[in-house]
Amino acid sequence: MAELILETDRLILRTRDEADMPVWLEHLNTPAVMKHLGGPQDIVEIESAFARNAAWQAQHGHSFWIVQHKGNGDLIGMCGLKRFDNEHGSMAGEFEIGWRLREDYWRQGIAYEAASAALSYAFDRLDAPHVVALTSDANIGSWKVMEKLGMTRRADLDFDDPAYPAHENPTIVYRIEASQWQA
C-alpha cells in the first residue's frame, strides 16, 4: 500500500506501489524520457530500482517518490531524495534530489513543483545542510529546473560515470545550501 508523503497544489508525492509498474513501463521507460539516463531499462533493472527505493524509504524515511496528478490521478513520474551513493563522485552520503517525468507532462512546471516540495522536505524535516542534483550538460531541461530552484552549478563536484555514454559525461552537479532555500 502506497504511503502519502507530500502534497502540492497539483501533485501527490507518495511511495511506490506494485500497481505502478505497468504505467511506469508505458510512460517512464521510453527513449525520450530515458534519453539522458542511459536509455530504456529492462524489467529486472526497473524492479531493482523499485526495490532500492523501498529500501531507502525504510532506512532513511525518504526516497524517489511517485508523483501523481491530483486532478486526474495520472502517475506522472518520480521525484524525491536519496543519499548520494555513486562511487565515482565525491559526495558520499549527501542528500541528492532527482526527478523523472513522463513526456506528456513536460514543460508544465511539474518538475519544479515536485522538486520544490522535496527540497522543503529535505531542509525542514530532514535538516539537510545542503542538497545536490545531478545531470549531464546535454540535459538542458533538467539543469534549467535546478537553476530555477536556486541551485548553483558546482563544476568542482563533477565526475565521469562510466555507466553513461561519453556524450552524457561528465555528470554535472548543482547544489543548494539550506540557508539559500526560499520555499
Protein backbone atom coordinates (compact mmCIF):
# COMPACT_ATOMS: atom_id res chain seq x y z
CA MET A 1 0.00 0.00 0.00
CA ALA A 2 1.39 3.39 -1.00
CA GLU A 3 2.09 5.97 1.69
CA LEU A 4 1.34 9.67 1.10
CA ILE A 5 4.48 11.72 1.72
CA LEU A 6 3.80 15.23 0.36
CA GLU A 7 1.11 17.23 -1.39
CA THR A 8 1.30 20.37 -3.50
CA ASP A 9 -1.42 22.30 -5.29
CA ARG A 10 -1.46 19.84 -8.20
CA LEU A 11 0.54 16.84 -7.03
CA ILE A 12 0.77 13.96 -4.61
CA LEU A 13 4.21 12.53 -3.83
CA ARG A 14 3.88 9.01 -2.44
CA THR A 15 5.73 5.75 -2.04
CA ARG A 16 5.61 3.21 -4.84
CA ASP A 17 3.02 0.50 -5.23
CA GLU A 18 3.14 -2.66 -7.34
CA ALA A 19 0.25 -1.28 -9.41
CA ASP A 20 2.64 1.48 -10.62
CA MET A 21 4.72 -0.89 -12.75
CA PRO A 22 2.56 -1.02 -15.92
CA VAL A 23 2.28 2.78 -16.11
CA TRP A 24 6.00 3.13 -15.38
CA LEU A 25 6.82 0.76 -18.24
CA GLU A 26 4.49 2.53 -20.67
CA HIS A 27 5.25 6.18 -19.88
CA LEU A 28 8.55 6.43 -17.98
CA ASN A 29 10.71 3.88 -19.75
CA THR A 30 10.56 5.43 -23.20
CA PRO A 31 13.51 6.51 -25.37
CA ALA A 32 12.57 10.19 -24.89
CA VAL A 33 12.25 10.01 -21.09
CA MET A 34 15.38 7.85 -20.72
CA LYS A 35 17.46 9.77 -23.28
CA HIS A 36 19.90 11.18 -20.68
CA LEU A 37 19.58 8.26 -18.27
CA GLY A 38 21.24 5.50 -20.28
CA GLY A 39 18.21 4.54 -22.40
CA PRO A 40 15.20 2.35 -21.62
CA GLN A 41 15.75 -0.32 -18.97
CA ASP A 42 14.68 -3.92 -18.86
CA ILE A 43 12.14 -5.14 -16.31
CA VAL A 44 14.84 -6.52 -13.99
CA GLU A 45 16.54 -3.11 -13.78
CA ILE A 46 13.24 -1.36 -13.08
CA GLU A 47 12.22 -3.87 -10.40
CA SER A 48 15.67 -3.45 -8.83
CA ALA A 49 15.22 0.35 -8.80
CA PHE A 50 11.78 -0.03 -7.18
CA ALA A 51 13.34 -2.28 -4.51
CA ARG A 52 16.18 0.20 -3.87
CA ASN A 53 13.63 2.99 -3.44
CA ALA A 54 11.65 0.92 -0.95
CA ALA A 55 14.85 0.21 0.99
CA TRP A 56 15.84 3.91 1.03
CA GLN A 57 12.37 4.83 2.29
CA ALA A 58 12.51 2.20 5.03
CA GLN A 59 16.06 3.06 6.07
CA HIS A 60 16.12 6.85 5.72
CA GLY A 61 12.49 7.98 5.56
CA HIS A 62 12.92 9.35 2.05
CA SER A 63 13.36 8.09 -1.49
CA PHE A 64 12.44 8.93 -5.05
CA TRP A 65 8.66 9.05 -4.64
CA ILE A 66 5.95 8.58 -7.21
CA VAL A 67 4.49 11.85 -8.50
CA GLN A 68 0.76 11.60 -9.13
CA HIS A 69 -1.55 14.26 -10.54
CA LYS A 70 -4.28 15.19 -8.05
CA GLY A 71 -6.81 16.18 -10.68
CA ASN A 72 -6.84 13.07 -12.86
CA GLY A 73 -4.86 10.52 -10.83
CA ASP A 74 -2.20 10.04 -13.53
CA LEU A 75 1.16 8.67 -12.45
CA ILE A 76 3.37 11.46 -13.82
CA GLY A 77 6.81 10.33 -12.74
CA MET A 78 9.06 10.37 -9.73
CA CYS A 79 10.76 12.97 -7.59
CA GLY A 80 12.41 12.86 -4.23
CA LEU A 81 15.53 12.44 -2.19
CA LYS A 82 18.14 9.79 -1.63
CA ARG A 83 21.64 9.62 -0.23
CA PHE A 84 24.30 10.01 -2.91
CA ASP A 85 25.84 6.59 -3.50
CA ASN A 86 27.74 6.78 -6.79
CA GLU A 87 31.28 5.54 -6.22
CA HIS A 88 32.61 7.86 -8.94
CA GLY A 89 31.59 11.10 -7.19
CA SER A 90 32.94 12.69 -4.02
CA MET A 91 29.64 13.33 -2.23
CA ALA A 92 29.00 10.00 -0.50
CA GLY A 93 26.03 10.15 1.86
CA GLU A 94 24.93 13.67 0.91
CA PHE A 95 21.28 14.41 0.15
CA GLU A 96 20.56 14.12 -3.56
CA ILE A 97 17.37 15.27 -5.26
CA GLY A 98 16.17 13.79 -8.52
CA TRP A 99 13.15 13.68 -10.81
CA ARG A 100 11.86 11.99 -13.92
CA LEU A 101 8.61 12.87 -15.68
CA ARG A 102 6.66 11.28 -18.47
CA GLU A 103 6.88 13.18 -21.73
CA ASP A 104 3.23 14.29 -21.94
CA TYR A 105 3.74 16.29 -18.70
CA TRP A 106 6.95 18.10 -19.68
CA ARG A 107 7.05 21.91 -19.71
CA GLN A 108 4.15 22.34 -17.28
CA GLY A 109 6.15 23.29 -14.17
CA ILE A 110 5.61 19.84 -12.63
CA ALA A 111 9.31 19.06 -12.06
CA TYR A 112 9.78 22.43 -10.37
CA GLU A 113 6.66 21.99 -8.21
CA ALA A 114 7.59 18.47 -7.10
CA ALA A 115 11.26 19.33 -6.55
CA SER A 116 10.32 22.41 -4.51
CA ALA A 117 8.25 20.20 -2.21
CA ALA A 118 11.11 17.70 -1.93
CA LEU A 119 13.64 20.45 -1.12
CA SER A 120 11.35 21.84 1.57
CA TYR A 121 11.09 18.32 2.99
CA ALA A 122 14.90 17.98 2.95
CA PHE A 123 15.53 21.26 4.73
CA ASP A 124 12.51 21.43 7.05
CA ARG A 125 12.07 17.79 8.07
CA LEU A 126 15.45 16.16 7.49
CA ASP A 127 17.69 19.10 8.48
CA ALA A 128 19.79 18.66 5.34
CA PRO A 129 22.66 21.15 5.33
CA HIS A 130 22.57 21.16 1.52
CA VAL A 131 21.21 19.12 -1.37
CA VAL A 132 22.88 18.17 -4.64
CA ALA A 133 21.35 17.37 -8.03
CA LEU A 134 23.00 15.55 -10.92
CA THR A 135 22.54 15.53 -14.67
CA SER A 136 24.53 15.76 -17.86
CA ASP A 137 25.34 19.01 -19.62
CA ALA A 138 23.25 17.71 -22.53
CA ASN A 139 20.12 17.51 -20.33
CA ILE A 140 19.25 21.19 -20.61
CA GLY A 141 15.71 20.78 -19.27
CA SER A 142 16.97 19.22 -16.06
CA TRP A 143 19.67 21.77 -15.27
CA LYS A 144 17.27 24.60 -16.11
CA VAL A 145 14.97 23.27 -13.35
CA MET A 146 17.97 23.14 -11.00
CA GLU A 147 18.75 26.78 -11.73
CA LYS A 148 15.08 27.79 -11.29
CA LEU A 149 15.18 26.08 -7.87
CA GLY A 150 18.09 28.37 -6.92
CA MET A 151 20.73 25.67 -7.17
CA THR A 152 24.28 26.65 -8.16
CA ARG A 153 26.46 24.80 -10.65
CA ARG A 154 29.40 23.18 -8.85
CA ALA A 155 31.94 22.15 -11.50
CA ASP A 156 34.34 21.17 -8.70
CA LEU A 157 31.99 18.26 -7.88
CA ASP A 158 31.54 16.98 -11.47
CA PHE A 159 32.61 13.42 -12.23
CA ASP A 160 32.76 10.92 -15.06
CA ASP A 161 30.38 7.98 -14.76
CA PRO A 162 31.28 5.00 -16.97
CA ALA A 163 27.67 3.77 -16.73
CA TYR A 164 26.76 6.55 -19.19
CA PRO A 165 27.93 7.13 -22.76
CA ALA A 166 30.66 9.68 -23.48
CA HIS A 167 28.19 12.34 -24.71
CA GLU A 168 26.46 12.23 -21.28
CA ASN A 169 29.72 12.77 -19.38
CA PRO A 170 30.77 14.36 -17.23
CA THR A 171 27.94 14.15 -14.74
CA ILE A 172 27.45 17.76 -13.70
CA VAL A 173 26.47 18.75 -10.19
CA TYR A 174 24.30 21.54 -8.82
CA ARG A 175 23.95 22.29 -5.12
CA ILE A 176 21.82 24.41 -2.83
CA GLU A 177 22.51 25.24 0.82
CA ALA A 178 19.75 25.18 3.41
CA SER A 179 20.37 28.90 4.03
CA GLN A 180 19.70 29.64 0.33
CA TRP A 181 16.37 27.82 0.13
CA GLN A 182 13.34 30.03 -0.30
CA ALA A 183 10.24 27.84 -0.15
